[in-house]
Amino acid sequence: MKLDQIKTTSTTKNTQVKVSDELFDQPNPKLLAQAIRVYLSNKRQGTSKTKTRSEVSLTTRKWYRQKGTGGARHGAKDAAIFVGGGIAHGPTGQENWTKSLTKQLRKKALIAALTAQSSNIFINDEIQELSGKTKEAVELLKKISKKFSSDKFKLTESKLLIVVDEVKETTLRSIRNIPNVTLVSANLLNALTVAQAHKILVTTKTLKVLEERLTK
């Protein structure tokens, strides 16, 4: 497997670097879909709640006569069939949405996500040389984005994921205020983060960390 390596100082086309097939050549769409569902479910707050009939405060007076209306008999307006009444079988705010994957399945799901996104992954080592200024980072990312294989990518609109071997303070300060750009270390990377990105930048050291983490 080969990935494009981008160098903004070079005027030639992107060079290709050979990487481990164990990280980028193992498709598994079913496991990837399962992992994404697990991660999204675990992000739910689970605090949504509706009022039951006992919690709705409405008049207890019989609101229309018993006979002669042609309708059913009703003595309370807080029934679930009426607007403003209590909700039957609604969320209680106590639901547990937590799901889990085994450690081995999480690793395989991440590999499947990297495989699915392999055409959108590029290598660049200049990211780790940022001095901490957002303006400098934006200029660098604009230069990098011009060398992406797709013309549809726009830095201000598309989602860019930057994966580094270690998050430096200067790199974090440079990137954290740029919209739609996410910075994450290789040790904290998961399948959902990879799947949600339009383009992914990694460093040479990042690939080594991921290989050590996922192929053991």
N, C-alpha and C. Protein backbone atom coordinates (compact mmCIF):
# COMPACT_ATOMS: atom_id res chain seq x y z
N MET A 1 0.85 -1.20 0.00
CA MET A 1 0.00 0.00 0.00
C MET A 1 0.88 1.25 0.00
N LYS A 2 0.50 2.26 -0.80
CA LYS A 2 1.26 3.50 -0.87
C LYS A 2 0.35 4.70 -0.59
N LEU A 3 0.91 5.68 0.15
CA LEU A 3 0.20 6.92 0.45
C LEU A 3 0.96 8.09 -0.15
N ASP A 4 0.23 9.13 -0.53
CA ASP A 4 0.88 10.34 -1.05
C ASP A 4 1.51 11.13 0.09
N GLN A 5 2.74 11.56 -0.12
CA GLN A 5 3.41 12.43 0.85
C GLN A 5 3.47 13.84 0.27
N ILE A 6 2.92 14.80 1.03
CA ILE A 6 2.84 16.18 0.58
C ILE A 6 3.96 17.01 1.20
N LYS A 7 4.67 17.75 0.35
CA LYS A 7 5.68 18.69 0.80
C LYS A 7 5.38 20.04 0.15
N THR A 8 5.02 21.01 0.97
CA THR A 8 4.63 22.32 0.42
C THR A 8 5.81 23.05 -0.21
N THR A 9 7.02 22.68 0.18
CA THR A 9 8.21 23.34 -0.38
C THR A 9 8.58 22.79 -1.74
N SER A 10 7.94 21.69 -2.14
CA SER A 10 8.26 21.06 -3.42
C SER A 10 7.26 21.49 -4.49
N THR A 11 7.77 21.74 -5.68
CA THR A 11 6.91 22.14 -6.80
C THR A 11 6.49 20.94 -7.64
N THR A 12 7.07 19.80 -7.36
CA THR A 12 6.73 18.59 -8.12
C THR A 12 5.49 17.93 -7.53
N LYS A 13 5.03 16.88 -8.18
CA LYS A 13 3.87 16.15 -7.71
C LYS A 13 4.18 15.43 -6.40
N ASN A 14 3.13 15.02 -5.70
CA ASN A 14 3.30 14.30 -4.44
C ASN A 14 4.08 13.01 -4.67
N THR A 15 5.01 12.73 -3.76
CA THR A 15 5.72 11.46 -3.82
C THR A 15 4.91 10.41 -3.08
N GLN A 16 5.10 9.17 -3.42
CA GLN A 16 4.37 8.09 -2.78
C GLN A 16 5.29 7.31 -1.85
N VAL A 17 4.75 7.00 -0.67
CA VAL A 17 5.52 6.30 0.35
C VAL A 17 4.84 4.97 0.65
N LYS A 18 5.60 3.92 0.69
CA LYS A 18 5.04 2.60 0.98
C LYS A 18 4.76 2.47 2.48
N VAL A 19 3.57 2.02 2.82
CA VAL A 19 3.17 1.85 4.21
C VAL A 19 2.69 0.42 4.44
N SER A 20 2.48 0.09 5.69
CA SER A 20 2.09 -1.28 6.05
C SER A 20 0.73 -1.65 5.49
N ASP A 21 0.66 -2.80 4.83
CA ASP A 21 -0.62 -3.30 4.33
C ASP A 21 -1.55 -3.71 5.46
N GLU A 22 -0.99 -3.96 6.63
CA GLU A 22 -1.81 -4.38 7.78
C GLU A 22 -2.71 -3.25 8.28
N LEU A 23 -2.37 -2.02 7.95
CA LEU A 23 -3.17 -0.87 8.39
C LEU A 23 -4.17 -0.41 7.33
N PHE A 24 -3.86 -0.63 6.06
CA PHE A 24 -4.65 -0.01 4.99
C PHE A 24 -5.17 -1.01 3.96
N ASP A 25 -5.20 -2.25 4.26
CA ASP A 25 -5.65 -3.22 3.27
C ASP A 25 -6.53 -4.30 3.91
N GLN A 26 -7.40 -3.89 4.85
CA GLN A 26 -8.27 -4.86 5.52
C GLN A 26 -9.69 -4.30 5.63
N PRO A 27 -10.44 -4.28 4.53
CA PRO A 27 -11.81 -3.75 4.58
C PRO A 27 -12.73 -4.63 5.41
N ASN A 28 -13.62 -4.00 6.15
CA ASN A 28 -14.61 -4.73 6.96
C ASN A 28 -15.79 -3.79 7.22
N PRO A 29 -16.61 -3.55 6.20
CA PRO A 29 -17.70 -2.56 6.32
C PRO A 29 -18.71 -2.87 7.42
N LYS A 30 -18.99 -4.15 7.65
CA LYS A 30 -19.97 -4.50 8.69
C LYS A 30 -19.46 -4.13 10.08
N LEU A 31 -18.19 -4.46 10.35
CA LEU A 31 -17.61 -4.12 11.65
C LEU A 31 -17.50 -2.61 11.80
N LEU A 32 -17.14 -1.92 10.73
CA LEU A 32 -17.02 -0.46 10.79
C LEU A 32 -18.37 0.18 11.11
N ALA A 33 -19.44 -0.31 10.47
CA ALA A 33 -20.78 0.21 10.75
C ALA A 33 -21.17 -0.04 12.19
N GLN A 34 -20.83 -1.21 12.70
CA GLN A 34 -21.14 -1.55 14.10
C GLN A 34 -20.38 -0.63 15.05
N ALA A 35 -19.11 -0.39 14.76
CA ALA A 35 -18.29 0.45 15.63
C ALA A 35 -18.80 1.89 15.65
N ILE A 36 -19.19 2.40 14.48
CA ILE A 36 -19.71 3.77 14.41
C ILE A 36 -20.99 3.88 15.23
N ARG A 37 -21.83 2.87 15.14
CA ARG A 37 -23.07 2.86 15.92
C ARG A 37 -22.77 2.88 17.42
N VAL A 38 -21.77 2.12 17.84
CA VAL A 38 -21.39 2.07 19.26
C VAL A 38 -20.87 3.42 19.72
N TYR A 39 -19.97 4.04 18.94
CA TYR A 39 -19.39 5.33 19.33
C TYR A 39 -20.45 6.42 19.38
N LEU A 40 -21.36 6.44 18.40
CA LEU A 40 -22.42 7.46 18.39
C LEU A 40 -23.38 7.26 19.55
N SER A 41 -23.70 6.01 19.86
CA SER A 41 -24.59 5.71 20.98
C SER A 41 -23.98 6.16 22.30
N ASN A 42 -22.67 5.96 22.45
CA ASN A 42 -22.00 6.35 23.69
C ASN A 42 -21.88 7.86 23.84
N LYS A 43 -22.04 8.61 22.75
CA LYS A 43 -21.98 10.07 22.82
C LYS A 43 -23.32 10.67 23.23
N ARG A 44 -24.38 9.87 23.26
CA ARG A 44 -25.70 10.39 23.62
C ARG A 44 -25.75 10.77 25.09
N GLN A 45 -26.36 11.91 25.39
CA GLN A 45 -26.51 12.33 26.77
C GLN A 45 -27.57 11.51 27.49
N GLY A 46 -28.62 11.15 26.78
CA GLY A 46 -29.68 10.36 27.40
C GLY A 46 -30.49 11.13 28.42
N THR A 47 -30.58 12.46 28.26
CA THR A 47 -31.29 13.28 29.24
C THR A 47 -32.67 13.72 28.75
N SER A 48 -33.06 13.33 27.54
CA SER A 48 -34.38 13.73 27.04
C SER A 48 -35.47 13.07 27.87
N LYS A 49 -36.52 13.83 28.18
CA LYS A 49 -37.58 13.34 29.08
C LYS A 49 -38.91 13.98 28.70
N THR A 50 -39.98 13.20 28.80
CA THR A 50 -41.32 13.74 28.60
C THR A 50 -42.11 13.60 29.91
N LYS A 51 -43.15 14.41 30.05
CA LYS A 51 -43.98 14.35 31.25
C LYS A 51 -45.05 13.27 31.10
N THR A 52 -45.20 12.50 32.16
CA THR A 52 -46.27 11.50 32.17
C THR A 52 -47.58 12.17 32.58
N ARG A 53 -48.64 11.40 32.57
CA ARG A 53 -49.96 11.94 32.90
C ARG A 53 -49.99 12.49 34.33
N SER A 54 -49.25 11.85 35.21
CA SER A 54 -49.26 12.30 36.62
C SER A 54 -48.48 13.60 36.81
N GLU A 55 -47.62 13.94 35.84
CA GLU A 55 -46.80 15.14 35.96
C GLU A 55 -47.40 16.35 35.25
N VAL A 56 -48.45 16.14 34.48
CA VAL A 56 -49.09 17.25 33.77
C VAL A 56 -50.12 17.90 34.69
N SER A 57 -50.08 19.21 34.77
CA SER A 57 -51.00 19.93 35.65
C SER A 57 -52.12 20.56 34.81
N LEU A 58 -53.24 19.86 34.74
CA LEU A 58 -54.41 20.38 34.03
C LEU A 58 -55.64 20.28 34.93
N THR A 59 -56.72 20.90 34.52
CA THR A 59 -57.92 20.89 35.35
C THR A 59 -58.45 19.47 35.55
N THR A 60 -58.99 19.22 36.72
CA THR A 60 -59.60 17.91 37.00
C THR A 60 -61.13 17.97 36.82
N ARG A 61 -61.59 19.14 36.41
CA ARG A 61 -63.02 19.30 36.19
C ARG A 61 -63.42 18.55 34.92
N LYS A 62 -64.57 17.90 34.96
CA LYS A 62 -65.07 17.20 33.77
C LYS A 62 -65.33 18.23 32.70
N TRP A 63 -64.61 18.10 31.57
CA TRP A 63 -64.55 19.23 30.64
C TRP A 63 -65.60 19.20 29.54
N TYR A 64 -66.37 18.14 29.42
CA TYR A 64 -67.62 18.21 28.66
C TYR A 64 -68.58 17.17 29.21
N ARG A 65 -69.86 17.34 28.89
CA ARG A 65 -70.88 16.52 29.52
C ARG A 65 -70.73 15.05 29.15
N GLN A 66 -71.32 14.23 30.00
CA GLN A 66 -71.20 12.78 29.86
C GLN A 66 -71.94 12.26 28.63
N LYS A 67 -73.13 12.76 28.41
CA LYS A 67 -73.97 12.20 27.35
C LYS A 67 -74.38 13.28 26.34
N GLY A 68 -74.79 12.81 25.18
CA GLY A 68 -75.36 13.70 24.20
C GLY A 68 -74.37 14.33 23.22
N THR A 69 -73.10 14.05 23.36
CA THR A 69 -72.11 14.66 22.46
C THR A 69 -71.80 13.77 21.26
N GLY A 70 -72.09 12.49 21.36
CA GLY A 70 -71.73 11.55 20.31
C GLY A 70 -70.31 11.06 20.41
N GLY A 71 -69.59 11.57 21.40
CA GLY A 71 -68.19 11.17 21.60
C GLY A 71 -68.03 10.28 22.81
N ALA A 72 -66.79 9.82 23.01
CA ALA A 72 -66.51 8.96 24.16
C ALA A 72 -66.57 9.76 25.45
N ARG A 73 -66.72 9.04 26.56
CA ARG A 73 -66.81 9.70 27.87
C ARG A 73 -65.39 10.01 28.38
N HIS A 74 -65.20 11.28 28.80
CA HIS A 74 -63.89 11.67 29.35
C HIS A 74 -64.10 12.53 30.57
N GLY A 75 -63.26 12.28 31.57
CA GLY A 75 -63.36 13.06 32.78
C GLY A 75 -62.11 13.87 33.06
N ALA A 76 -61.04 13.69 32.26
CA ALA A 76 -59.80 14.41 32.50
C ALA A 76 -59.16 14.79 31.17
N LYS A 77 -58.50 15.93 31.15
CA LYS A 77 -57.89 16.40 29.90
C LYS A 77 -56.41 16.07 29.83
N ASP A 78 -55.88 15.39 30.86
CA ASP A 78 -54.45 15.06 30.86
C ASP A 78 -54.17 13.69 30.25
N ALA A 79 -55.19 13.08 29.62
CA ALA A 79 -54.98 11.79 28.97
C ALA A 79 -54.03 11.95 27.79
N ALA A 80 -53.34 10.88 27.45
CA ALA A 80 -52.31 10.95 26.41
C ALA A 80 -52.86 11.24 25.03
N ILE A 81 -54.15 11.04 24.80
CA ILE A 81 -54.71 11.25 23.47
C ILE A 81 -55.04 12.71 23.19
N PHE A 82 -54.92 13.58 24.20
CA PHE A 82 -55.24 14.98 24.02
C PHE A 82 -53.98 15.84 23.95
N VAL A 83 -54.03 16.91 23.16
CA VAL A 83 -52.93 17.86 23.09
C VAL A 83 -52.70 18.49 24.45
N GLY A 84 -51.48 18.47 24.92
CA GLY A 84 -51.17 19.01 26.24
C GLY A 84 -51.23 17.99 27.35
N GLY A 85 -51.71 16.78 27.01
CA GLY A 85 -51.78 15.74 28.02
C GLY A 85 -50.44 15.05 28.23
N GLY A 86 -50.42 14.10 29.14
CA GLY A 86 -49.19 13.36 29.41
C GLY A 86 -48.80 12.48 28.23
N ILE A 87 -47.53 12.19 28.11
CA ILE A 87 -47.03 11.35 27.02
C ILE A 87 -46.91 9.90 27.51
N ALA A 88 -47.52 9.00 26.75
CA ALA A 88 -47.44 7.58 27.11
C ALA A 88 -46.17 6.95 26.52
N HIS A 89 -45.43 6.23 27.33
CA HIS A 89 -44.24 5.48 26.91
C HIS A 89 -43.13 6.38 26.33
N GLY A 90 -43.05 7.62 26.79
CA GLY A 90 -42.00 8.52 26.32
C GLY A 90 -40.70 8.28 27.06
N PRO A 91 -39.61 8.97 26.67
CA PRO A 91 -38.33 8.83 27.36
C PRO A 91 -38.41 9.36 28.78
N THR A 92 -37.73 8.69 29.69
CA THR A 92 -37.79 9.05 31.12
C THR A 92 -36.56 9.81 31.59
N GLY A 93 -35.52 9.88 30.75
CA GLY A 93 -34.27 10.51 31.18
C GLY A 93 -33.36 9.56 31.90
N GLN A 94 -33.79 8.32 32.08
CA GLN A 94 -32.98 7.32 32.79
C GLN A 94 -32.46 6.24 31.84
N GLU A 95 -32.67 6.40 30.55
CA GLU A 95 -32.23 5.37 29.60
C GLU A 95 -30.71 5.26 29.56
N ASN A 96 -30.24 4.06 29.41
CA ASN A 96 -28.80 3.81 29.31
C ASN A 96 -28.46 3.44 27.87
N TRP A 97 -27.76 4.35 27.18
CA TRP A 97 -27.43 4.13 25.77
C TRP A 97 -26.03 3.56 25.59
N THR A 98 -25.37 3.22 26.68
CA THR A 98 -23.99 2.77 26.60
C THR A 98 -23.88 1.42 25.90
N LYS A 99 -22.96 1.36 24.94
CA LYS A 99 -22.64 0.11 24.25
C LYS A 99 -21.13 -0.09 24.32
N SER A 100 -20.67 -1.27 23.96
CA SER A 100 -19.24 -1.52 24.07
C SER A 100 -18.76 -2.44 22.95
N LEU A 101 -17.47 -2.34 22.67
CA LEU A 101 -16.77 -3.24 21.77
C LEU A 101 -15.54 -3.77 22.50
N THR A 102 -15.16 -4.97 22.18
CA THR A 102 -13.94 -5.51 22.80
C THR A 102 -12.73 -4.75 22.26
N LYS A 103 -11.63 -4.84 22.96
CA LYS A 103 -10.40 -4.15 22.55
C LYS A 103 -9.97 -4.60 21.16
N GLN A 104 -10.08 -5.89 20.90
CA GLN A 104 -9.67 -6.43 19.61
C GLN A 104 -10.57 -5.92 18.49
N LEU A 105 -11.87 -5.84 18.75
CA LEU A 105 -12.79 -5.34 17.74
C LEU A 105 -12.59 -3.85 17.48
N ARG A 106 -12.23 -3.09 18.52
CA ARG A 106 -11.94 -1.66 18.33
C ARG A 106 -10.73 -1.47 17.42
N LYS A 107 -9.73 -2.32 17.61
CA LYS A 107 -8.54 -2.25 16.76
C LYS A 107 -8.90 -2.57 15.30
N LYS A 108 -9.66 -3.65 15.11
CA LYS A 108 -10.03 -4.06 13.76
C LYS A 108 -10.93 -3.02 13.09
N ALA A 109 -11.80 -2.39 13.88
CA ALA A 109 -12.68 -1.36 13.33
C ALA A 109 -11.88 -0.14 12.88
N LEU A 110 -10.86 0.23 13.65
CA LEU A 110 -10.01 1.35 13.27
C LEU A 110 -9.24 1.04 11.99
N ILE A 111 -8.73 -0.18 11.89
CA ILE A 111 -8.03 -0.59 10.66
C ILE A 111 -8.99 -0.56 9.47
N ALA A 112 -10.24 -1.01 9.70
CA ALA A 112 -11.24 -0.97 8.63
C ALA A 112 -11.55 0.46 8.21
N ALA A 113 -11.58 1.38 9.17
CA ALA A 113 -11.84 2.79 8.87
C ALA A 113 -10.67 3.39 8.08
N LEU A 114 -9.45 3.07 8.48
CA LEU A 114 -8.26 3.56 7.76
C LEU A 114 -8.23 3.00 6.34
N THR A 115 -8.65 1.74 6.20
CA THR A 115 -8.70 1.12 4.88
C THR A 115 -9.72 1.83 3.99
N ALA A 116 -10.89 2.11 4.55
CA ALA A 116 -11.95 2.77 3.79
C ALA A 116 -11.55 4.19 3.37
N GLN A 117 -10.72 4.83 4.19
CA GLN A 117 -10.32 6.22 3.94
C GLN A 117 -8.93 6.32 3.31
N SER A 118 -8.36 5.22 2.91
CA SER A 118 -6.96 5.21 2.44
C SER A 118 -6.69 6.20 1.31
N SER A 119 -7.67 6.40 0.44
CA SER A 119 -7.47 7.34 -0.68
C SER A 119 -7.51 8.80 -0.23
N ASN A 120 -7.96 9.04 1.00
CA ASN A 120 -8.06 10.40 1.54
C ASN A 120 -7.00 10.70 2.60
N ILE A 121 -6.04 9.79 2.76
CA ILE A 121 -5.00 9.96 3.78
C ILE A 121 -3.71 10.41 3.11
N PHE A 122 -3.10 11.46 3.67
CA PHE A 122 -1.86 12.02 3.13
C PHE A 122 -0.83 12.19 4.25
N ILE A 123 0.42 12.08 3.88
CA ILE A 123 1.52 12.22 4.86
C ILE A 123 2.10 13.62 4.75
N ASN A 124 2.27 14.27 5.90
CA ASN A 124 2.93 15.58 5.95
C ASN A 124 3.57 15.76 7.31
N ASP A 125 4.88 16.07 7.31
CA ASP A 125 5.62 16.22 8.57
C ASP A 125 5.77 17.67 9.00
N GLU A 126 5.29 18.61 8.18
CA GLU A 126 5.44 20.02 8.50
C GLU A 126 4.48 20.47 9.61
N ILE A 127 3.43 19.68 9.83
CA ILE A 127 2.44 20.02 10.85
C ILE A 127 3.08 20.15 12.23
N GLN A 128 4.01 19.26 12.53
CA GLN A 128 4.64 19.27 13.86
C GLN A 128 5.64 20.40 14.05
N GLU A 129 5.90 21.18 13.00
CA GLU A 129 6.86 22.28 13.09
C GLU A 129 6.19 23.63 13.32
N LEU A 130 4.87 23.64 13.52
CA LEU A 130 4.14 24.89 13.75
C LEU A 130 4.60 25.56 15.04
N SER A 131 4.61 26.89 15.04
CA SER A 131 5.15 27.64 16.18
C SER A 131 4.10 28.03 17.22
N GLY A 132 2.82 27.79 16.89
CA GLY A 132 1.77 28.14 17.84
C GLY A 132 0.84 29.23 17.35
N LYS A 133 1.10 29.76 16.13
CA LYS A 133 0.27 30.83 15.58
C LYS A 133 -0.77 30.24 14.62
N THR A 134 -2.01 30.63 14.84
CA THR A 134 -3.11 30.11 14.01
C THR A 134 -2.96 30.56 12.55
N LYS A 135 -2.53 31.79 12.34
CA LYS A 135 -2.36 32.31 10.98
C LYS A 135 -1.37 31.45 10.20
N GLU A 136 -0.30 31.08 10.86
CA GLU A 136 0.72 30.23 10.22
C GLU A 136 0.14 28.86 9.85
N ALA A 137 -0.68 28.31 10.75
CA ALA A 137 -1.29 26.99 10.50
C ALA A 137 -2.27 27.05 9.33
N VAL A 138 -3.06 28.12 9.27
CA VAL A 138 -4.03 28.27 8.18
C VAL A 138 -3.31 28.35 6.83
N GLU A 139 -2.24 29.11 6.78
CA GLU A 139 -1.47 29.24 5.53
C GLU A 139 -0.88 27.90 5.11
N LEU A 140 -0.37 27.14 6.08
CA LEU A 140 0.20 25.83 5.77
C LEU A 140 -0.87 24.87 5.27
N LEU A 141 -2.03 24.86 5.94
CA LEU A 141 -3.10 23.95 5.55
C LEU A 141 -3.67 24.30 4.18
N LYS A 142 -3.69 25.59 3.84
CA LYS A 142 -4.15 25.99 2.51
C LYS A 142 -3.20 25.47 1.43
N LYS A 143 -1.90 25.55 1.71
CA LYS A 143 -0.91 25.04 0.76
C LYS A 143 -1.04 23.52 0.60
N ILE A 144 -1.28 22.85 1.74
CA ILE A 144 -1.42 21.39 1.70
C ILE A 144 -2.68 20.99 0.95
N SER A 145 -3.79 21.70 1.22
CA SER A 145 -5.06 21.33 0.61
C SER A 145 -5.04 21.49 -0.91
N LYS A 146 -4.19 22.39 -1.43
CA LYS A 146 -4.08 22.56 -2.87
C LYS A 146 -3.45 21.34 -3.54
N LYS A 147 -2.75 20.53 -2.72
CA LYS A 147 -2.07 19.35 -3.27
C LYS A 147 -2.86 18.07 -3.06
N PHE A 148 -4.07 18.20 -2.49
CA PHE A 148 -4.93 17.03 -2.37
C PHE A 148 -5.37 16.58 -3.76
N SER A 149 -5.62 15.29 -3.88
CA SER A 149 -5.99 14.75 -5.19
C SER A 149 -7.39 15.17 -5.63
N SER A 150 -8.22 15.65 -4.70
CA SER A 150 -9.58 16.06 -5.03
C SER A 150 -9.70 17.58 -5.00
N ASP A 151 -10.38 18.15 -6.00
CA ASP A 151 -10.58 19.60 -6.04
C ASP A 151 -11.78 20.04 -5.21
N LYS A 152 -12.54 19.08 -4.68
CA LYS A 152 -13.75 19.40 -3.94
C LYS A 152 -13.47 19.84 -2.51
N PHE A 153 -12.24 19.62 -2.03
CA PHE A 153 -11.93 19.93 -0.63
C PHE A 153 -11.78 21.44 -0.44
N LYS A 154 -12.50 21.97 0.57
CA LYS A 154 -12.36 23.37 0.95
C LYS A 154 -12.09 23.43 2.44
N LEU A 155 -11.01 24.10 2.79
CA LEU A 155 -10.57 24.12 4.19
C LEU A 155 -11.62 24.67 5.13
N THR A 156 -12.40 25.65 4.68
CA THR A 156 -13.39 26.28 5.56
C THR A 156 -14.68 25.48 5.67
N GLU A 157 -14.88 24.51 4.77
CA GLU A 157 -16.14 23.77 4.75
C GLU A 157 -15.97 22.28 5.01
N SER A 158 -14.90 21.70 4.50
CA SER A 158 -14.69 20.26 4.65
C SER A 158 -14.01 19.94 5.98
N LYS A 159 -14.18 18.69 6.44
CA LYS A 159 -13.60 18.27 7.71
C LYS A 159 -12.20 17.69 7.49
N LEU A 160 -11.24 18.27 8.18
CA LEU A 160 -9.86 17.82 8.08
C LEU A 160 -9.43 17.22 9.42
N LEU A 161 -8.91 16.02 9.38
CA LEU A 161 -8.41 15.34 10.59
C LEU A 161 -6.89 15.29 10.52
N ILE A 162 -6.24 15.76 11.57
CA ILE A 162 -4.78 15.71 11.65
C ILE A 162 -4.40 14.76 12.77
N VAL A 163 -3.66 13.72 12.45
CA VAL A 163 -3.25 12.71 13.42
C VAL A 163 -1.75 12.80 13.61
N VAL A 164 -1.33 13.05 14.83
CA VAL A 164 0.10 13.16 15.14
C VAL A 164 0.48 12.10 16.16
N ASP A 165 1.78 11.82 16.25
CA ASP A 165 2.24 10.82 17.21
C ASP A 165 2.12 11.33 18.64
N GLU A 166 2.30 12.66 18.80
CA GLU A 166 2.18 13.29 20.11
C GLU A 166 1.71 14.72 19.91
N VAL A 167 0.70 15.12 20.66
CA VAL A 167 0.15 16.48 20.52
C VAL A 167 1.03 17.46 21.29
N LYS A 168 1.77 18.28 20.56
CA LYS A 168 2.60 19.30 21.19
C LYS A 168 1.74 20.53 21.51
N GLU A 169 2.15 21.28 22.51
CA GLU A 169 1.42 22.47 22.92
C GLU A 169 1.36 23.49 21.77
N THR A 170 2.47 23.66 21.06
CA THR A 170 2.51 24.63 19.97
C THR A 170 1.59 24.20 18.82
N THR A 171 1.57 22.91 18.54
CA THR A 171 0.69 22.41 17.47
C THR A 171 -0.77 22.59 17.85
N LEU A 172 -1.09 22.30 19.11
CA LEU A 172 -2.46 22.44 19.59
C LEU A 172 -2.92 23.89 19.52
N ARG A 173 -2.08 24.83 19.96
CA ARG A 173 -2.44 26.25 19.92
C ARG A 173 -2.61 26.75 18.49
N SER A 174 -1.86 26.18 17.58
CA SER A 174 -1.94 26.60 16.19
C SER A 174 -3.24 26.18 15.52
N ILE A 175 -3.76 25.02 15.92
CA ILE A 175 -4.85 24.39 15.18
C ILE A 175 -6.21 24.47 15.87
N ARG A 176 -6.24 24.58 17.19
CA ARG A 176 -7.51 24.41 17.92
C ARG A 176 -8.58 25.43 17.57
N ASN A 177 -8.22 26.60 17.03
CA ASN A 177 -9.22 27.62 16.71
C ASN A 177 -9.63 27.63 15.24
N ILE A 178 -9.15 26.66 14.48
CA ILE A 178 -9.51 26.59 13.06
C ILE A 178 -10.76 25.72 12.92
N PRO A 179 -11.84 26.26 12.36
CA PRO A 179 -13.09 25.48 12.22
C PRO A 179 -12.89 24.25 11.33
N ASN A 180 -13.59 23.17 11.69
CA ASN A 180 -13.61 21.93 10.91
C ASN A 180 -12.27 21.20 10.86
N VAL A 181 -11.32 21.61 11.68
CA VAL A 181 -10.02 20.91 11.73
C VAL A 181 -9.88 20.27 13.11
N THR A 182 -9.64 18.97 13.13
CA THR A 182 -9.52 18.23 14.39
C THR A 182 -8.11 17.69 14.52
N LEU A 183 -7.53 17.89 15.69
CA LEU A 183 -6.19 17.37 15.99
C LEU A 183 -6.31 16.27 17.04
N VAL A 184 -5.72 15.12 16.77
CA VAL A 184 -5.80 14.00 17.70
C VAL A 184 -4.50 13.22 17.66
N SER A 185 -4.14 12.63 18.79
CA SER A 185 -2.93 11.80 18.82
C SER A 185 -3.26 10.40 18.33
N ALA A 186 -2.25 9.70 17.84
CA ALA A 186 -2.44 8.36 17.27
C ALA A 186 -2.97 7.38 18.30
N ASN A 187 -2.63 7.58 19.56
CA ASN A 187 -3.06 6.66 20.62
C ASN A 187 -4.53 6.83 20.97
N LEU A 188 -5.13 7.97 20.62
CA LEU A 188 -6.54 8.22 20.94
C LEU A 188 -7.44 8.14 19.72
N LEU A 189 -6.89 7.82 18.58
CA LEU A 189 -7.66 7.76 17.35
C LEU A 189 -8.67 6.61 17.39
N ASN A 190 -9.89 6.87 16.89
CA ASN A 190 -10.89 5.79 16.83
C ASN A 190 -11.56 5.78 15.46
N ALA A 191 -12.34 4.75 15.21
CA ALA A 191 -12.95 4.54 13.89
C ALA A 191 -13.92 5.65 13.52
N LEU A 192 -14.68 6.17 14.48
CA LEU A 192 -15.66 7.22 14.18
C LEU A 192 -14.96 8.49 13.70
N THR A 193 -13.90 8.91 14.39
CA THR A 193 -13.17 10.11 14.01
C THR A 193 -12.61 10.00 12.60
N VAL A 194 -12.09 8.83 12.28
CA VAL A 194 -11.54 8.60 10.93
C VAL A 194 -12.66 8.64 9.89
N ALA A 195 -13.77 7.97 10.18
CA ALA A 195 -14.87 7.87 9.21
C ALA A 195 -15.52 9.22 8.93
N GLN A 196 -15.52 10.14 9.90
CA GLN A 196 -16.20 11.42 9.73
C GLN A 196 -15.37 12.44 8.95
N ALA A 197 -14.08 12.19 8.76
CA ALA A 197 -13.21 13.16 8.10
C ALA A 197 -13.32 13.07 6.58
N HIS A 198 -13.16 14.22 5.92
CA HIS A 198 -13.10 14.24 4.46
C HIS A 198 -11.67 13.99 3.98
N LYS A 199 -10.70 14.56 4.68
CA LYS A 199 -9.29 14.32 4.39
C LYS A 199 -8.55 14.12 5.71
N ILE A 200 -7.48 13.34 5.65
CA ILE A 200 -6.72 13.01 6.87
C ILE A 200 -5.24 13.26 6.61
N LEU A 201 -4.62 14.00 7.52
CA LEU A 201 -3.17 14.22 7.47
C LEU A 201 -2.50 13.44 8.58
N VAL A 202 -1.45 12.72 8.25
CA VAL A 202 -0.68 11.99 9.26
C VAL A 202 0.79 12.32 9.08
N THR A 203 1.56 12.11 10.12
CA THR A 203 3.01 12.28 10.02
C THR A 203 3.65 10.91 9.87
N THR A 204 4.92 10.90 9.54
CA THR A 204 5.65 9.63 9.39
C THR A 204 5.68 8.87 10.72
N LYS A 205 5.87 9.61 11.81
CA LYS A 205 5.91 8.96 13.13
C LYS A 205 4.53 8.43 13.52
N THR A 206 3.48 9.10 13.06
CA THR A 206 2.11 8.64 13.35
C THR A 206 1.89 7.23 12.84
N LEU A 207 2.35 6.96 11.64
CA LEU A 207 2.17 5.63 11.05
C LEU A 207 2.88 4.56 11.87
N LYS A 208 4.04 4.90 12.41
CA LYS A 208 4.77 3.94 13.24
C LYS A 208 4.01 3.65 14.53
N VAL A 209 3.44 4.71 15.15
CA VAL A 209 2.67 4.54 16.38
C VAL A 209 1.43 3.69 16.12
N LEU A 210 0.73 3.98 15.02
CA LEU A 210 -0.47 3.22 14.69
C LEU A 210 -0.14 1.76 14.41
N GLU A 211 0.98 1.53 13.74
CA GLU A 211 1.37 0.15 13.44
C GLU A 211 1.68 -0.63 14.72
N GLU A 212 2.37 0.02 15.64
CA GLU A 212 2.69 -0.62 16.93
C GLU A 212 1.42 -0.88 17.73
N ARG A 213 0.49 0.07 17.67
CA ARG A 213 -0.75 -0.03 18.45
C ARG A 213 -1.72 -1.08 17.90
N LEU A 214 -1.82 -1.17 16.58
CA LEU A 214 -2.88 -1.98 15.98
C LEU A 214 -2.45 -3.34 15.49
N THR A 215 -1.18 -3.59 15.37
CA THR A 215 -0.75 -4.88 14.82
C THR A 215 -0.19 -5.83 15.87
N LYS A 216 -0.27 -5.44 17.13
CA LYS A 216 0.22 -6.33 18.19
C LYS A 216 -0.81 -7.41 18.48
